[in-house]
Amino acid sequence: MLRIICVTVLLCAGGLVWAQDNGSSEKLTLSDCFIGDETAGVSVAAQCGRLTVPEDRRNPDGRSIELNVAVVNSDVETPKQDA
């Protein structure tokens, strides 16, 4: 259960960072993957990829880092409206 909570928190935090416009024109290519620990039965299907971004957004020509990105779709048949 703790793993599910940790994965959920990390995915939500990643979504907050993703929502900020960094002005980058780089495209993100996603492929099928699983997040979690399949051997422990705590795993979820996702779309994963890597995105290269500036280490310091104030210095876009400086060093860059690669971020692992995961998109997890909801399995709810009728999702609630966004607030």
PDB file of N, CA and C in Angstrom:
ATOM      1  N   MET A   1       0.826  -1.199   0.000  1.00  0.00           N
ATOM      2  CA  MET A   1       0.000   0.000   0.000  1.00  0.00           C
ATOM      3  C   MET A   1       0.869   1.261   0.000  1.00  0.00           C
ATOM      4  N   LEU A   2       1.955   1.211   0.768  1.00  0.00           N
ATOM      5  CA  LEU A   2       2.856   2.366   0.832  1.00  0.00           C
ATOM      6  C   LEU A   2       3.456   2.659  -0.543  1.00  0.00           C
ATOM      7  N   ARG A   3       3.760   1.603  -1.294  1.00  0.00           N
ATOM      8  CA  ARG A   3       4.326   1.807  -2.630  1.00  0.00           C
ATOM      9  C   ARG A   3       3.328   2.508  -3.544  1.00  0.00           C
ATOM     10  N   ILE A   4       2.074   2.126  -3.463  1.00  0.00           N
ATOM     11  CA  ILE A   4       1.047   2.759  -4.294  1.00  0.00           C
ATOM     12  C   ILE A   4       0.950   4.239  -3.963  1.00  0.00           C
ATOM     13  N   ILE A   5       0.972   4.561  -2.686  1.00  0.00           N
ATOM     14  CA  ILE A   5       0.897   5.958  -2.256  1.00  0.00           C
ATOM     15  C   ILE A   5       2.115   6.727  -2.763  1.00  0.00           C
ATOM     16  N   CYS A   6       3.303   6.135  -2.642  1.00  0.00           N
ATOM     17  CA  CYS A   6       4.526   6.807  -3.095  1.00  0.00           C
ATOM     18  C   CYS A   6       4.496   7.052  -4.602  1.00  0.00           C
ATOM     19  N   VAL A   7       4.080   6.040  -5.366  1.00  0.00           N
ATOM     20  CA  VAL A   7       4.001   6.202  -6.819  1.00  0.00           C
ATOM     21  C   VAL A   7       3.001   7.289  -7.173  1.00  0.00           C
ATOM     22  N   THR A   8       1.856   7.306  -6.501  1.00  0.00           N
ATOM     23  CA  THR A   8       0.827   8.309  -6.765  1.00  0.00           C
ATOM     24  C   THR A   8       1.345   9.714  -6.479  1.00  0.00           C
ATOM     25  N   VAL A   9       2.013   9.891  -5.353  1.00  0.00           N
ATOM     26  CA  VAL A   9       2.549  11.208  -4.990  1.00  0.00           C
ATOM     27  C   VAL A   9       3.584  11.664  -6.018  1.00  0.00           C
ATOM     28  N   LEU A  10       4.474  10.763  -6.424  1.00  0.00           N
ATOM     29  CA  LEU A  10       5.492  11.131  -7.411  1.00  0.00           C
ATOM     30  C   LEU A  10       4.867  11.508  -8.745  1.00  0.00           C
ATOM     31  N   LEU A  11       3.857  10.767  -9.157  1.00  0.00           N
ATOM     32  CA  LEU A  11       3.198  11.085 -10.422  1.00  0.00           C
ATOM     33  C   LEU A  11       2.477  12.423 -10.357  1.00  0.00           C
ATOM     34  N   CYS A  12       1.834  12.702  -9.234  1.00  0.00           N
ATOM     35  CA  CYS A  12       1.145  13.989  -9.085  1.00  0.00           C
ATOM     36  C   CYS A  12       2.144  15.140  -9.082  1.00  0.00           C
ATOM     37  N   ALA A  13       3.246  14.970  -8.375  1.00  0.00           N
ATOM     38  CA  ALA A  13       4.259  16.024  -8.328  1.00  0.00           C
ATOM     39  C   ALA A  13       4.840  16.256  -9.719  1.00  0.00           C
ATOM     40  N   GLY A  14       5.060  15.189 -10.458  1.00  0.00           N
ATOM     41  CA  GLY A  14       5.554  15.323 -11.824  1.00  0.00           C
ATOM     42  C   GLY A  14       4.573  16.061 -12.704  1.00  0.00           C
ATOM     43  N   GLY A  15       3.292  15.845 -12.485  1.00  0.00           N
ATOM     44  CA  GLY A  15       2.266  16.537 -13.256  1.00  0.00           C
ATOM     45  C   GLY A  15       2.276  18.027 -13.000  1.00  0.00           C
ATOM     46  N   LEU A  16       2.565  18.432 -11.782  1.00  0.00           N
ATOM     47  CA  LEU A  16       2.622  19.856 -11.465  1.00  0.00           C
ATOM     48  C   LEU A  16       3.774  20.525 -12.199  1.00  0.00           C
ATOM     49  N   VAL A  17       4.914  19.860 -12.240  1.00  0.00           N
ATOM     50  CA  VAL A  17       6.063  20.415 -12.949  1.00  0.00           C
ATOM     51  C   VAL A  17       5.774  20.443 -14.443  1.00  0.00           C
ATOM     52  N   TRP A  18       5.159  19.410 -14.954  1.00  0.00           N
ATOM     53  CA  TRP A  18       4.854  19.318 -16.375  1.00  0.00           C
ATOM     54  C   TRP A  18       3.935  20.443 -16.820  1.00  0.00           C
ATOM     55  N   ALA A  19       3.053  20.905 -15.938  1.00  0.00           N
ATOM     56  CA  ALA A  19       2.064  21.916 -16.294  1.00  0.00           C
ATOM     57  C   ALA A  19       2.688  23.287 -16.548  1.00  0.00           C
ATOM     58  N   GLN A  20       3.922  23.492 -16.103  1.00  0.00           N
ATOM     59  CA  GLN A  20       4.565  24.780 -16.302  1.00  0.00           C
ATOM     60  C   GLN A  20       5.149  24.845 -17.711  1.00  0.00           C
ATOM     61  N   ASP A  21       4.938  25.961 -18.396  1.00  0.00           N
ATOM     62  CA  ASP A  21       5.458  26.144 -19.748  1.00  0.00           C
ATOM     63  C   ASP A  21       6.921  26.542 -19.666  1.00  0.00           C
ATOM     64  N   ASN A  22       7.796  25.706 -20.220  1.00  0.00           N
ATOM     65  CA  ASN A  22       9.217  26.041 -20.198  1.00  0.00           C
ATOM     66  C   ASN A  22       9.699  26.575 -21.541  1.00  0.00           C
ATOM     67  N   GLY A  23       8.788  26.736 -22.510  1.00  0.00           N
ATOM     68  CA  GLY A  23       9.158  27.290 -23.799  1.00  0.00           C
ATOM     69  C   GLY A  23       9.935  26.327 -24.679  1.00  0.00           C
ATOM     70  N   SER A  24      10.084  25.091 -24.262  1.00  0.00           N
ATOM     71  CA  SER A  24      10.836  24.108 -25.026  1.00  0.00           C
ATOM     72  C   SER A  24      10.008  23.597 -26.194  1.00  0.00           C
ATOM     73  N   SER A  25      10.686  23.338 -27.302  1.00  0.00           N
ATOM     74  CA  SER A  25       9.988  22.792 -28.461  1.00  0.00           C
ATOM     75  C   SER A  25      10.279  21.302 -28.622  1.00  0.00           C
ATOM     76  N   GLU A  26      10.995  20.708 -27.657  1.00  0.00           N
ATOM     77  CA  GLU A  26      11.324  19.290 -27.741  1.00  0.00           C
ATOM     78  C   GLU A  26      10.061  18.447 -27.612  1.00  0.00           C
ATOM     79  N   LYS A  27       9.984  17.405 -28.424  1.00  0.00           N
ATOM     80  CA  LYS A  27       8.838  16.506 -28.395  1.00  0.00           C
ATOM     81  C   LYS A  27       9.130  15.334 -27.464  1.00  0.00           C
ATOM     82  N   LEU A  28       8.100  14.868 -26.800  1.00  0.00           N
ATOM     83  CA  LEU A  28       8.211  13.732 -25.895  1.00  0.00           C
ATOM     84  C   LEU A  28       7.643  12.509 -26.593  1.00  0.00           C
ATOM     85  N   THR A  29       8.456  11.478 -26.758  1.00  0.00           N
ATOM     86  CA  THR A  29       8.009  10.225 -27.360  1.00  0.00           C
ATOM     87  C   THR A  29       7.736   9.231 -26.244  1.00  0.00           C
ATOM     88  N   LEU A  30       6.518   8.694 -26.218  1.00  0.00           N
ATOM     89  CA  LEU A  30       6.110   7.762 -25.170  1.00  0.00           C
ATOM     90  C   LEU A  30       5.986   6.348 -25.724  1.00  0.00           C
ATOM     91  N   SER A  31       6.277   5.366 -24.877  1.00  0.00           N
ATOM     92  CA  SER A  31       6.092   3.965 -25.240  1.00  0.00           C
ATOM     93  C   SER A  31       5.510   3.228 -24.040  1.00  0.00           C
ATOM     94  N   ASP A  32       4.916   2.061 -24.284  1.00  0.00           N
ATOM     95  CA  ASP A  32       4.282   1.288 -23.217  1.00  0.00           C
ATOM     96  C   ASP A  32       5.306   0.864 -22.169  1.00  0.00           C
ATOM     97  N   CYS A  33       4.894   0.925 -20.900  1.00  0.00           N
ATOM     98  CA  CYS A  33       5.755   0.501 -19.802  1.00  0.00           C
ATOM     99  C   CYS A  33       4.886   0.152 -18.595  1.00  0.00           C
ATOM    100  N   PHE A  34       5.518  -0.332 -17.546  1.00  0.00           N
ATOM    101  CA  PHE A  34       4.847  -0.597 -16.279  1.00  0.00           C
ATOM    102  C   PHE A  34       5.589   0.147 -15.184  1.00  0.00           C
ATOM    103  N   ILE A  35       4.842   0.707 -14.240  1.00  0.00           N
ATOM    104  CA  ILE A  35       5.425   1.422 -13.105  1.00  0.00           C
ATOM    105  C   ILE A  35       5.107   0.625 -11.852  1.00  0.00           C
ATOM    106  N   GLY A  36       6.073   0.472 -11.002  1.00  0.00           N
ATOM    107  CA  GLY A  36       5.871  -0.243  -9.750  1.00  0.00           C
ATOM    108  C   GLY A  36       6.713  -1.497  -9.703  1.00  0.00           C
ATOM    109  N   ASP A  37       6.264  -2.452  -8.914  1.00  0.00           N
ATOM    110  CA  ASP A  37       6.972  -3.707  -8.705  1.00  0.00           C
ATOM    111  C   ASP A  37       6.050  -4.848  -9.106  1.00  0.00           C
ATOM    112  N   GLU A  38       6.245  -5.375 -10.314  1.00  0.00           N
ATOM    113  CA  GLU A  38       5.365  -6.425 -10.824  1.00  0.00           C
ATOM    114  C   GLU A  38       5.425  -7.676  -9.961  1.00  0.00           C
ATOM    115  N   THR A  39       6.590  -7.983  -9.386  1.00  0.00           N
ATOM    116  CA  THR A  39       6.718  -9.193  -8.570  1.00  0.00           C
ATOM    117  C   THR A  39       5.915  -9.097  -7.283  1.00  0.00           C
ATOM    118  N   ALA A  40       5.678  -7.876  -6.805  1.00  0.00           N
ATOM    119  CA  ALA A  40       4.894  -7.679  -5.581  1.00  0.00           C
ATOM    120  C   ALA A  40       3.423  -7.417  -5.897  1.00  0.00           C
ATOM    121  N   GLY A  41       3.077  -7.413  -7.182  1.00  0.00           N
ATOM    122  CA  GLY A  41       1.689  -7.165  -7.565  1.00  0.00           C
ATOM    123  C   GLY A  41       1.281  -5.708  -7.460  1.00  0.00           C
ATOM    124  N   VAL A  42       2.252  -4.818  -7.368  1.00  0.00           N
ATOM    125  CA  VAL A  42       1.968  -3.383  -7.278  1.00  0.00           C
ATOM    126  C   VAL A  42       2.531  -2.738  -8.541  1.00  0.00           C
ATOM    127  N   SER A  43       1.764  -2.824  -9.607  1.00  0.00           N
ATOM    128  CA  SER A  43       2.238  -2.345 -10.888  1.00  0.00           C
ATOM    129  C   SER A  43       1.069  -1.780 -11.674  1.00  0.00           C
ATOM    130  N   VAL A  44       1.336  -0.765 -12.473  1.00  0.00           N
ATOM    131  CA  VAL A  44       0.291  -0.139 -13.269  1.00  0.00           C
ATOM    132  C   VAL A  44       0.835   0.123 -14.677  1.00  0.00           C
ATOM    133  N   ALA A  45      -0.011  -0.106 -15.678  1.00  0.00           N
ATOM    134  CA  ALA A  45       0.381   0.159 -17.062  1.00  0.00           C
ATOM    135  C   ALA A  45       0.458   1.665 -17.280  1.00  0.00           C
ATOM    136  N   ALA A  46       1.434   2.089 -18.066  1.00  0.00           N
ATOM    137  CA  ALA A  46       1.631   3.520 -18.303  1.00  0.00           C
ATOM    138  C   ALA A  46       2.262   3.728 -19.674  1.00  0.00           C
ATOM    139  N   GLN A  47       2.475   4.973 -20.010  1.00  0.00           N
ATOM    140  CA  GLN A  47       3.244   5.384 -21.180  1.00  0.00           C
ATOM    141  C   GLN A  47       4.460   6.124 -20.632  1.00  0.00           C
ATOM    142  N   CYS A  48       5.665   5.711 -21.019  1.00  0.00           N
ATOM    143  CA  CYS A  48       6.883   6.289 -20.456  1.00  0.00           C
ATOM    144  C   CYS A  48       7.788   6.864 -21.542  1.00  0.00           C
ATOM    145  N   GLY A  49       8.586   7.836 -21.145  1.00  0.00           N
ATOM    146  CA  GLY A  49       9.554   8.433 -22.048  1.00  0.00           C
ATOM    147  C   GLY A  49      10.562   9.252 -21.269  1.00  0.00           C
ATOM    148  N   ARG A  50      11.475   9.876 -21.984  1.00  0.00           N
ATOM    149  CA  ARG A  50      12.487  10.742 -21.362  1.00  0.00           C
ATOM    150  C   ARG A  50      12.435  12.105 -22.030  1.00  0.00           C
ATOM    151  N   LEU A  51      12.598  13.121 -21.212  1.00  0.00           N
ATOM    152  CA  LEU A  51      12.558  14.496 -21.691  1.00  0.00           C
ATOM    153  C   LEU A  51      13.803  15.218 -21.195  1.00  0.00           C
ATOM    154  N   THR A  52      14.527  15.841 -22.103  1.00  0.00           N
ATOM    155  CA  THR A  52      15.723  16.597 -21.733  1.00  0.00           C
ATOM    156  C   THR A  52      15.325  18.050 -21.505  1.00  0.00           C
ATOM    157  N   VAL A  53      15.686  18.568 -20.333  1.00  0.00           N
ATOM    158  CA  VAL A  53      15.339  19.939 -19.957  1.00  0.00           C
ATOM    159  C   VAL A  53      16.567  20.635 -19.376  1.00  0.00           C
ATOM    160  N   PRO A  54      16.583  21.971 -19.369  1.00  0.00           N
ATOM    161  CA  PRO A  54      17.692  22.687 -18.729  1.00  0.00           C
ATOM    162  C   PRO A  54      17.719  22.390 -17.228  1.00  0.00           C
ATOM    163  N   GLU A  55      18.923  22.209 -16.690  1.00  0.00           N
ATOM    164  CA  GLU A  55      19.061  21.990 -15.253  1.00  0.00           C
ATOM    165  C   GLU A  55      18.577  23.222 -14.485  1.00  0.00           C
ATOM    166  N   ASP A  56      18.840  24.394 -15.035  1.00  0.00           N
ATOM    167  CA  ASP A  56      18.398  25.658 -14.449  1.00  0.00           C
ATOM    168  C   ASP A  56      17.587  26.389 -15.517  1.00  0.00           C
ATOM    169  N   ARG A  57      16.274  26.503 -15.314  1.00  0.00           N
ATOM    170  CA  ARG A  57      15.413  27.133 -16.325  1.00  0.00           C
ATOM    171  C   ARG A  57      15.788  28.582 -16.590  1.00  0.00           C
ATOM    172  N   ARG A  58      16.456  29.225 -15.630  1.00  0.00           N
ATOM    173  CA  ARG A  58      16.885  30.614 -15.840  1.00  0.00           C
ATOM    174  C   ARG A  58      18.099  30.688 -16.758  1.00  0.00           C
ATOM    175  N   ASN A  59      18.750  29.542 -16.988  1.00  0.00           N
ATOM    176  CA  ASN A  59      19.926  29.480 -17.856  1.00  0.00           C
ATOM    177  C   ASN A  59      19.719  28.348 -18.872  1.00  0.00           C
ATOM    178  N   PRO A  60      18.856  28.553 -19.869  1.00  0.00           N
ATOM    179  CA  PRO A  60      18.509  27.475 -20.799  1.00  0.00           C
ATOM    180  C   PRO A  60      19.674  26.970 -21.649  1.00  0.00           C
ATOM    181  N   ASP A  61      20.747  27.744 -21.757  1.00  0.00           N
ATOM    182  CA  ASP A  61      21.903  27.312 -22.538  1.00  0.00           C
ATOM    183  C   ASP A  61      22.932  26.576 -21.685  1.00  0.00           C
ATOM    184  N   GLY A  62      22.651  26.424 -20.391  1.00  0.00           N
ATOM    185  CA  GLY A  62      23.556  25.725 -19.486  1.00  0.00           C
ATOM    186  C   GLY A  62      23.388  24.215 -19.574  1.00  0.00           C
ATOM    187  N   ARG A  63      23.787  23.539 -18.515  1.00  0.00           N
ATOM    188  CA  ARG A  63      23.699  22.080 -18.479  1.00  0.00           C
ATOM    189  C   ARG A  63      22.247  21.621 -18.547  1.00  0.00           C
ATOM    190  N   SER A  64      22.057  20.413 -19.052  1.00  0.00           N
ATOM    191  CA  SER A  64      20.706  19.857 -19.134  1.00  0.00           C
ATOM    192  C   SER A  64      20.658  18.518 -18.403  1.00  0.00           C
ATOM    193  N   ILE A  65      19.447  18.109 -18.049  1.00  0.00           N
ATOM    194  CA  ILE A  65      19.229  16.830 -17.385  1.00  0.00           C
ATOM    195  C   ILE A  65      18.115  16.087 -18.118  1.00  0.00           C
ATOM    196  N   GLU A  66      18.118  14.773 -17.978  1.00  0.00           N
ATOM    197  CA  GLU A  66      17.082  13.945 -18.572  1.00  0.00           C
ATOM    198  C   GLU A  66      16.099  13.537 -17.486  1.00  0.00           C
ATOM    199  N   LEU A  67      14.816  13.790 -17.729  1.00  0.00           N
ATOM    200  CA  LEU A  67      13.772  13.416 -16.780  1.00  0.00           C
ATOM    201  C   LEU A  67      13.020  12.204 -17.301  1.00  0.00           C
ATOM    202  N   ASN A  68      12.780  11.242 -16.424  1.00  0.00           N
ATOM    203  CA  ASN A  68      11.907  10.123 -16.762  1.00  0.00           C
ATOM    204  C   ASN A  68      10.475  10.596 -16.567  1.00  0.00           C
ATOM    205  N   VAL A  69       9.633  10.369 -17.574  1.00  0.00           N
ATOM    206  CA  VAL A  69       8.247  10.838 -17.547  1.00  0.00           C
ATOM    207  C   VAL A  69       7.326   9.637 -17.707  1.00  0.00           C
ATOM    208  N   ALA A  70       6.241   9.616 -16.928  1.00  0.00           N
ATOM    209  CA  ALA A  70       5.243   8.552 -17.053  1.00  0.00           C
ATOM    210  C   ALA A  70       3.854   9.168 -17.084  1.00  0.00           C
ATOM    211  N   VAL A  71       3.021   8.653 -17.984  1.00  0.00           N
ATOM    212  CA  VAL A  71       1.630   9.080 -18.084  1.00  0.00           C
ATOM    213  C   VAL A  71       0.766   7.870 -17.744  1.00  0.00           C
ATOM    214  N   VAL A  72      -0.054   8.018 -16.708  1.00  0.00           N
ATOM    215  CA  VAL A  72      -0.935   6.932 -16.276  1.00  0.00           C
ATOM    216  C   VAL A  72      -2.368   7.367 -16.530  1.00  0.00           C
ATOM    217  N   ASN A  73      -3.072   6.602 -17.342  1.00  0.00           N
ATOM    218  CA  ASN A  73      -4.464   6.915 -17.642  1.00  0.00           C
ATOM    219  C   ASN A  73      -5.380   6.437 -16.527  1.00  0.00           C
ATOM    220  N   SER A  74      -6.445   7.161 -16.324  1.00  0.00           N
ATOM    221  CA  SER A  74      -7.450   6.783 -15.338  1.00  0.00           C
ATOM    222  C   SER A  74      -8.205   5.553 -15.825  1.00  0.00           C
ATOM    223  N   ASP A  75      -8.609   4.705 -14.885  1.00  0.00           N
ATOM    224  CA  ASP A  75      -9.417   3.548 -15.261  1.00  0.00           C
ATOM    225  C   ASP A  75     -10.881   3.738 -14.857  1.00  0.00           C
ATOM    226  N   VAL A  76     -11.243   4.965 -14.517  1.00  0.00           N
ATOM    227  CA  VAL A  76     -12.612   5.285 -14.127  1.00  0.00           C
ATOM    228  C   VAL A  76     -13.448   5.458 -15.397  1.00  0.00           C
ATOM    229  N   GLU A  77     -14.617   4.808 -15.436  1.00  0.00           N
ATOM    230  CA  GLU A  77     -15.464   4.887 -16.631  1.00  0.00           C
ATOM    231  C   GLU A  77     -16.044   6.282 -16.842  1.00  0.00           C
ATOM    232  N   THR A  78     -16.448   6.938 -15.767  1.00  0.00           N
ATOM    233  CA  THR A  78     -17.015   8.284 -15.881  1.00  0.00           C
ATOM    234  C   THR A  78     -16.249   9.217 -14.947  1.00  0.00           C
ATOM    235  N   PRO A  79     -15.151   9.788 -15.440  1.00  0.00           N
ATOM    236  CA  PRO A  79     -14.352  10.668 -14.585  1.00  0.00           C
ATOM    237  C   PRO A  79     -15.108  11.939 -14.221  1.00  0.00           C
ATOM    238  N   LYS A  80     -14.766  12.491 -13.070  1.00  0.00           N
ATOM    239  CA  LYS A  80     -15.375  13.748 -12.633  1.00  0.00           C
ATOM    240  C   LYS A  80     -14.803  14.901 -13.452  1.00  0.00           C
ATOM    241  N   GLN A  81     -15.574  15.965 -13.564  1.00  0.00           N
ATOM    242  CA  GLN A  81     -15.130  17.178 -14.250  1.00  0.00           C
ATOM    243  C   GLN A  81     -13.959  17.801 -13.501  1.00  0.00           C
ATOM    244  N   ASP A  82     -13.014  18.382 -14.250  1.00  0.00           N
ATOM    245  CA  ASP A  82     -11.941  19.136 -13.614  1.00  0.00           C
ATOM    246  C   ASP A  82     -12.538  20.358 -12.941  1.00  0.00           C
ATOM    247  N   ALA A  83     -11.956  20.734 -11.815  1.00  0.00           N
ATOM    248  CA  ALA A  83     -12.465  21.895 -11.074  1.00  0.00           C
ATOM    249  C   ALA A  83     -12.059  23.181 -11.736  1.00  0.00           C
TER     250      ALA A  83
END
